[in-house]
């Protein structure tokens, strides 16, 4: 019999518990491009190892994604951080993309924080801004769900968690994130289309993970770091290294923001 993705996640969670000695995590985070340095501010790292050491995880395939798992102690709370993620454009399918968040929920996390680097479509969100994800537009033409799995996505990015984040940083804006398949950056025409559809941000991750977390019954908080202006809006060339540089430059600011938010989750 073929093993289900949920069974694969449960197996990985069992191995994670064995390696870290943590029976259940309170919060899990996926650290996207530019966000990894922020993990250093979340608490004391008790264990760190390659994610590929756990069943079902793949080695990192993208610059800026170290592909490691970090177990963090913050007082009496346990935090799980994935420093990097698998993207749909790597060609391993949707199960590989969401295996990390499924493992996190199987390991007890009832709240999952998804972070990413995003192109800014809305001019009100300049490069270097952190933006709460209020909703997403899934343009990948993919879903991590199969069969008659009908999941309500009306409150995918928890309104309660977004309000909590704004209690920490009242100036924190919200936006709609458009998930594209990549790995190429978008064309100016595609950005104009997304803007007309109501998108404020654009990237190549997050949406499928959010769907999988909601299927598993956990809550999602999403945060984008605007690392570049989207194609055609300012005439600048797009480059992944520039994305990483912006992330490194903003690491201290977004790290403190993330730490303050996670402390309230």
Protein backbone atom coordinates (compact mmCIF):
# COMPACT_ATOMS: atom_id res chain seq x y z
CA UNK A 1 0.00 0.00 0.00
CA UNK A 2 1.25 3.47 -0.90
CA UNK A 3 2.11 5.58 2.12
CA UNK A 4 0.09 8.81 2.40
CA UNK A 5 1.83 12.20 2.67
CA UNK A 6 0.36 12.53 6.16
CA UNK A 7 1.92 9.20 7.19
CA UNK A 8 5.26 10.38 5.80
CA UNK A 9 4.97 13.55 7.88
CA UNK A 10 4.13 11.54 11.00
CA UNK A 11 7.25 9.41 10.44
CA UNK A 12 9.39 12.54 10.09
CA UNK A 13 7.83 14.00 13.24
CA UNK A 14 8.68 10.85 15.18
CA UNK A 15 12.32 11.11 14.09
CA UNK A 16 12.33 14.82 14.93
CA UNK A 17 11.13 14.09 18.47
CA UNK A 18 13.81 11.42 18.83
CA UNK A 19 16.58 13.80 17.76
CA UNK A 20 15.47 16.80 19.80
CA UNK A 21 13.78 15.28 22.84
CA UNK A 22 10.82 17.63 22.31
CA UNK A 23 7.47 15.89 22.57
CA UNK A 24 5.44 18.72 21.08
CA UNK A 25 6.26 22.09 19.52
CA UNK A 26 4.22 25.19 20.23
CA UNK A 27 5.06 27.17 17.10
CA UNK A 28 6.78 26.36 13.82
CA UNK A 29 8.32 28.80 11.36
CA UNK A 30 9.41 28.49 7.75
CA UNK A 31 12.17 31.00 7.10
CA UNK A 32 12.10 32.12 3.49
CA UNK A 33 14.71 33.95 1.42
CA UNK A 34 16.23 36.73 3.49
CA UNK A 35 14.59 35.64 6.74
CA UNK A 36 17.00 32.97 7.99
CA UNK A 37 19.22 35.35 10.04
CA UNK A 38 16.11 36.38 11.98
CA UNK A 39 15.96 32.88 13.48
CA UNK A 40 19.00 33.72 15.62
CA UNK A 41 16.86 36.10 17.68
CA UNK A 42 14.06 33.65 18.47
CA UNK A 43 15.72 31.93 21.42
CA UNK A 44 18.40 29.42 22.33
CA UNK A 45 19.06 26.78 19.69
CA UNK A 46 19.16 23.39 21.36
CA UNK A 47 19.50 21.26 18.22
CA UNK A 48 20.26 21.99 14.58
CA UNK A 49 20.80 19.53 11.74
CA UNK A 50 20.17 19.14 8.01
CA UNK A 51 16.49 18.73 7.23
CA UNK A 52 17.47 15.95 4.82
CA UNK A 53 18.40 13.86 7.86
CA UNK A 54 14.67 13.51 8.51
CA UNK A 55 12.56 11.11 6.40
CA UNK A 56 11.05 12.71 3.32
CA UNK A 57 13.07 15.93 3.33
CA UNK A 58 15.24 16.96 0.40
CA UNK A 59 18.63 18.72 0.37
CA UNK A 60 18.44 22.48 -0.28
CA UNK A 61 18.16 23.44 -3.92
CA UNK A 62 18.11 27.25 -3.80
CA UNK A 63 20.73 29.80 -2.75
CA UNK A 64 19.80 31.41 0.55
CA UNK A 65 18.02 28.29 1.83
CA UNK A 66 20.35 26.36 4.11
CA UNK A 67 18.02 23.40 4.42
CA UNK A 68 18.45 23.01 8.16
CA UNK A 69 16.05 22.35 11.02
CA UNK A 70 16.51 24.22 14.28
CA UNK A 71 14.88 23.37 17.61
CA UNK A 72 14.66 26.48 19.78
CA UNK A 73 13.93 26.87 23.48
CA UNK A 74 12.25 30.08 24.61
CA UNK A 75 11.50 29.69 28.29
CA UNK A 76 9.01 26.87 28.60
CA UNK A 77 8.07 27.02 24.92
CA UNK A 78 9.46 24.98 22.07
CA UNK A 79 9.87 26.55 18.63
CA UNK A 80 10.67 24.69 15.42
CA UNK A 81 12.32 26.62 12.60
CA UNK A 82 12.95 25.43 9.06
CA UNK A 83 15.75 27.52 7.59
CA UNK A 84 14.65 27.27 3.99
CA UNK A 85 11.99 25.40 2.06
CA UNK A 86 11.42 23.29 -1.04
CA UNK A 87 9.84 25.22 -3.91
CA UNK A 88 7.43 23.93 -6.51
CA UNK A 89 9.79 24.93 -9.32
CA UNK A 90 12.41 22.48 -8.07
CA UNK A 91 10.31 19.79 -9.69
CA UNK A 92 9.67 17.43 -6.75
CA UNK A 93 5.90 17.91 -6.62
CA UNK A 94 3.52 19.44 -4.14
CA UNK A 95 4.02 16.82 -1.41
CA UNK A 96 7.69 17.77 -1.14
CA UNK A 97 6.76 21.47 -0.98
CA UNK A 98 4.46 21.00 2.02
CA UNK A 99 6.26 18.15 3.78
CA UNK A 100 7.91 20.53 6.23
CA UNK A 101 4.71 22.15 7.45
CA UNK A 102 2.92 18.82 7.61
CA UNK A 103 5.76 17.49 9.75
CA UNK A 104 5.56 20.55 11.99
CA UNK A 105 1.85 20.06 12.63
CA UNK A 106 2.40 16.34 13.18
CA UNK A 107 5.02 17.34 15.77
CA UNK A 108 2.41 19.30 17.68
CA UNK A 109 2.62 22.84 16.27
CA UNK A 110 -0.82 24.44 16.22
CA UNK A 111 0.50 27.70 14.74
CA UNK A 112 2.74 27.90 11.68
CA UNK A 113 4.44 31.14 10.63
CA UNK A 114 5.26 31.30 6.93
CA UNK A 115 7.78 33.92 5.82
CA UNK A 116 8.97 34.77 2.33
CA UNK A 117 10.72 37.27 0.13
CA UNK A 118 8.32 39.03 -2.20
CA UNK A 119 8.24 41.47 -5.05
CA UNK A 120 6.33 44.62 -4.24
CA UNK A 121 3.39 45.38 -6.51
CA UNK A 122 1.68 47.90 -4.26
CA UNK A 123 3.82 51.08 -4.27
CA UNK A 124 2.80 51.73 -0.66
CA UNK A 125 5.09 48.86 0.37
CA UNK A 126 8.68 49.88 -0.42
CA UNK A 127 11.68 47.57 -0.53
CA UNK A 128 12.64 46.53 2.99
CA UNK A 129 9.05 46.55 4.27
CA UNK A 130 7.53 43.68 6.22
CA UNK A 131 3.91 43.02 5.22
CA UNK A 132 1.33 40.74 6.82
CA UNK A 133 -0.28 38.38 4.34
CA UNK A 134 -4.05 38.83 4.57
CA UNK A 135 -4.87 36.44 1.73
CA UNK A 136 -3.32 34.82 -1.31
CA UNK A 137 -4.00 34.23 -4.98
CA UNK A 138 -2.71 30.80 -5.97
CA UNK A 139 -1.45 31.11 -9.55
CA UNK A 140 0.52 27.85 -9.51
CA UNK A 141 -2.40 25.77 -10.84
CA UNK A 142 -1.47 23.24 -8.15
CA UNK A 143 -2.84 22.09 -4.81
CA UNK A 144 -1.25 19.90 -2.12
CA UNK A 145 -4.65 18.28 -1.58
CA UNK A 146 -5.96 15.30 -3.51
CA UNK A 147 -9.30 13.56 -3.77
CA UNK A 148 -12.45 14.91 -2.20
CA UNK A 149 -10.56 17.04 0.32
CA UNK A 150 -12.67 20.17 0.67
CA UNK A 151 -10.91 22.66 2.92
CA UNK A 152 -12.40 26.05 3.79
CA UNK A 153 -9.83 28.74 2.98
CA UNK A 154 -12.00 31.69 4.04
CA UNK A 155 -9.65 32.48 6.93
CA UNK A 156 -6.45 30.95 5.64
CA UNK A 157 -4.26 33.63 7.22
CA UNK A 158 -5.79 33.85 10.67
CA UNK A 159 -7.46 37.17 11.39
CA UNK A 160 -6.83 36.59 15.09
CA UNK A 161 -3.10 36.13 14.51
CA UNK A 162 -2.91 39.16 12.23
CA UNK A 163 -4.56 41.26 14.95
CA UNK A 164 -2.04 39.92 17.44
CA UNK A 165 0.81 40.88 15.10
CA UNK A 166 -0.60 44.39 14.75
CA UNK A 167 -0.77 44.67 18.54
CA UNK A 168 3.01 44.28 18.44
CA UNK A 169 3.54 46.56 15.43
CA UNK A 170 0.44 48.72 14.78
CA UNK A 171 2.04 50.15 11.65
CA UNK A 172 2.41 46.72 10.06
CA UNK A 173 0.49 46.77 6.74
CA UNK A 174 -1.46 43.92 5.17
CA UNK A 175 -1.51 42.72 1.60
CA UNK A 176 -2.58 40.00 -0.79
CA UNK A 177 0.21 37.65 -1.90
CA UNK A 178 0.18 36.16 -5.40
CA UNK A 179 1.97 32.82 -5.62
CA UNK A 180 3.54 32.14 -9.02
CA UNK A 181 5.19 28.87 -10.09
CA UNK A 182 8.63 30.32 -11.00
CA UNK A 183 11.55 29.92 -11.18
CA UNK A 184 11.58 32.80 -13.65
CA UNK A 185 10.58 36.23 -12.40
CA UNK A 186 7.30 37.59 -13.71
CA UNK A 187 6.91 39.67 -16.85
CA UNK A 188 5.67 43.26 -16.63
CA UNK A 189 2.41 42.13 -18.27
CA UNK A 190 1.93 39.46 -15.61
CA UNK A 191 2.51 42.04 -12.88
CA UNK A 192 -0.10 44.33 -14.44
CA UNK A 193 -2.50 41.37 -14.49
CA UNK A 194 -1.81 40.54 -10.83
CA UNK A 195 -2.24 44.17 -9.81
CA UNK A 196 -5.62 44.27 -11.55
CA UNK A 197 -6.58 41.11 -9.62
CA UNK A 198 -5.84 42.79 -6.29
CA UNK A 199 -2.36 41.44 -5.52
CA UNK A 200 0.02 43.60 -3.48
CA UNK A 201 2.92 41.12 -3.36
CA UNK A 202 4.26 38.39 -5.61
CA UNK A 203 6.50 35.40 -4.94
CA UNK A 204 7.09 31.72 -5.58
CA UNK A 205 6.12 30.02 -2.31
CA UNK A 206 3.84 30.02 0.74
CA UNK A 207 0.37 29.44 -0.76
CA UNK A 208 0.63 25.66 -1.02
CA UNK A 209 2.10 25.44 2.48
CA UNK A 210 -0.73 27.56 3.87
CA UNK A 211 -3.31 25.26 2.26
CA UNK A 212 -1.65 22.18 3.77
CA UNK A 213 -1.52 23.74 7.23
CA UNK A 214 -5.19 24.59 7.08
CA UNK A 215 -5.99 21.04 5.94
CA UNK A 216 -4.15 19.80 9.03
CA UNK A 217 -6.22 22.06 11.29
CA UNK A 218 -3.50 24.47 12.40
CA UNK A 219 -3.40 28.27 12.14
CA UNK A 220 -1.31 30.28 9.68
CA UNK A 221 0.42 33.62 10.05
CA UNK A 222 2.12 34.88 6.90
CA UNK A 223 4.79 37.57 6.60
CA UNK A 224 6.45 38.87 3.45
CA UNK A 225 9.63 40.92 3.26
CA UNK A 226 9.53 43.14 0.18
CA UNK A 227 12.95 42.56 -1.34
CA UNK A 228 12.43 44.07 -4.80
CA UNK A 229 10.00 46.08 -6.85
CA UNK A 230 8.01 43.81 -9.15
CA UNK A 231 8.86 43.66 -12.85
CA UNK A 232 8.10 46.66 -15.00
CA UNK A 233 7.23 49.03 -12.16
CA UNK A 234 10.56 50.79 -11.82
CA UNK A 235 12.59 49.42 -14.69
CA UNK A 236 15.19 47.74 -12.45
CA UNK A 237 16.55 44.31 -13.36
CA UNK A 238 15.50 41.45 -11.08
CA UNK A 239 18.19 39.32 -9.50
CA UNK A 240 18.02 36.63 -6.79
CA UNK A 241 21.28 37.82 -5.21
CA UNK A 242 19.76 41.26 -4.73
CA UNK A 243 16.83 39.58 -2.99
CA UNK A 244 19.21 37.88 -0.55
CA UNK A 245 21.16 41.09 0.01
CA UNK A 246 18.00 42.98 0.92
CA UNK A 247 17.11 40.20 3.33
CA UNK A 248 20.49 40.38 5.02
CA UNK A 249 20.23 44.16 5.31
CA UNK A 250 16.80 43.89 6.93
CA UNK A 251 17.61 40.91 9.14
CA UNK A 252 17.89 42.86 12.37
CA UNK A 253 14.64 44.75 11.89
CA UNK A 254 12.52 41.83 10.74
CA UNK A 255 14.18 39.55 13.29
CA UNK A 256 13.11 41.77 16.18
CA UNK A 257 9.63 42.08 14.70
CA UNK A 258 9.32 38.32 14.28
CA UNK A 259 10.66 37.66 17.77
CA UNK A 260 8.15 40.04 19.34
CA UNK A 261 5.27 38.48 17.40
CA UNK A 262 6.27 34.88 18.14
CA UNK A 263 6.54 35.73 21.85
CA UNK A 264 2.78 36.43 21.82
CA UNK A 265 1.69 33.37 19.85
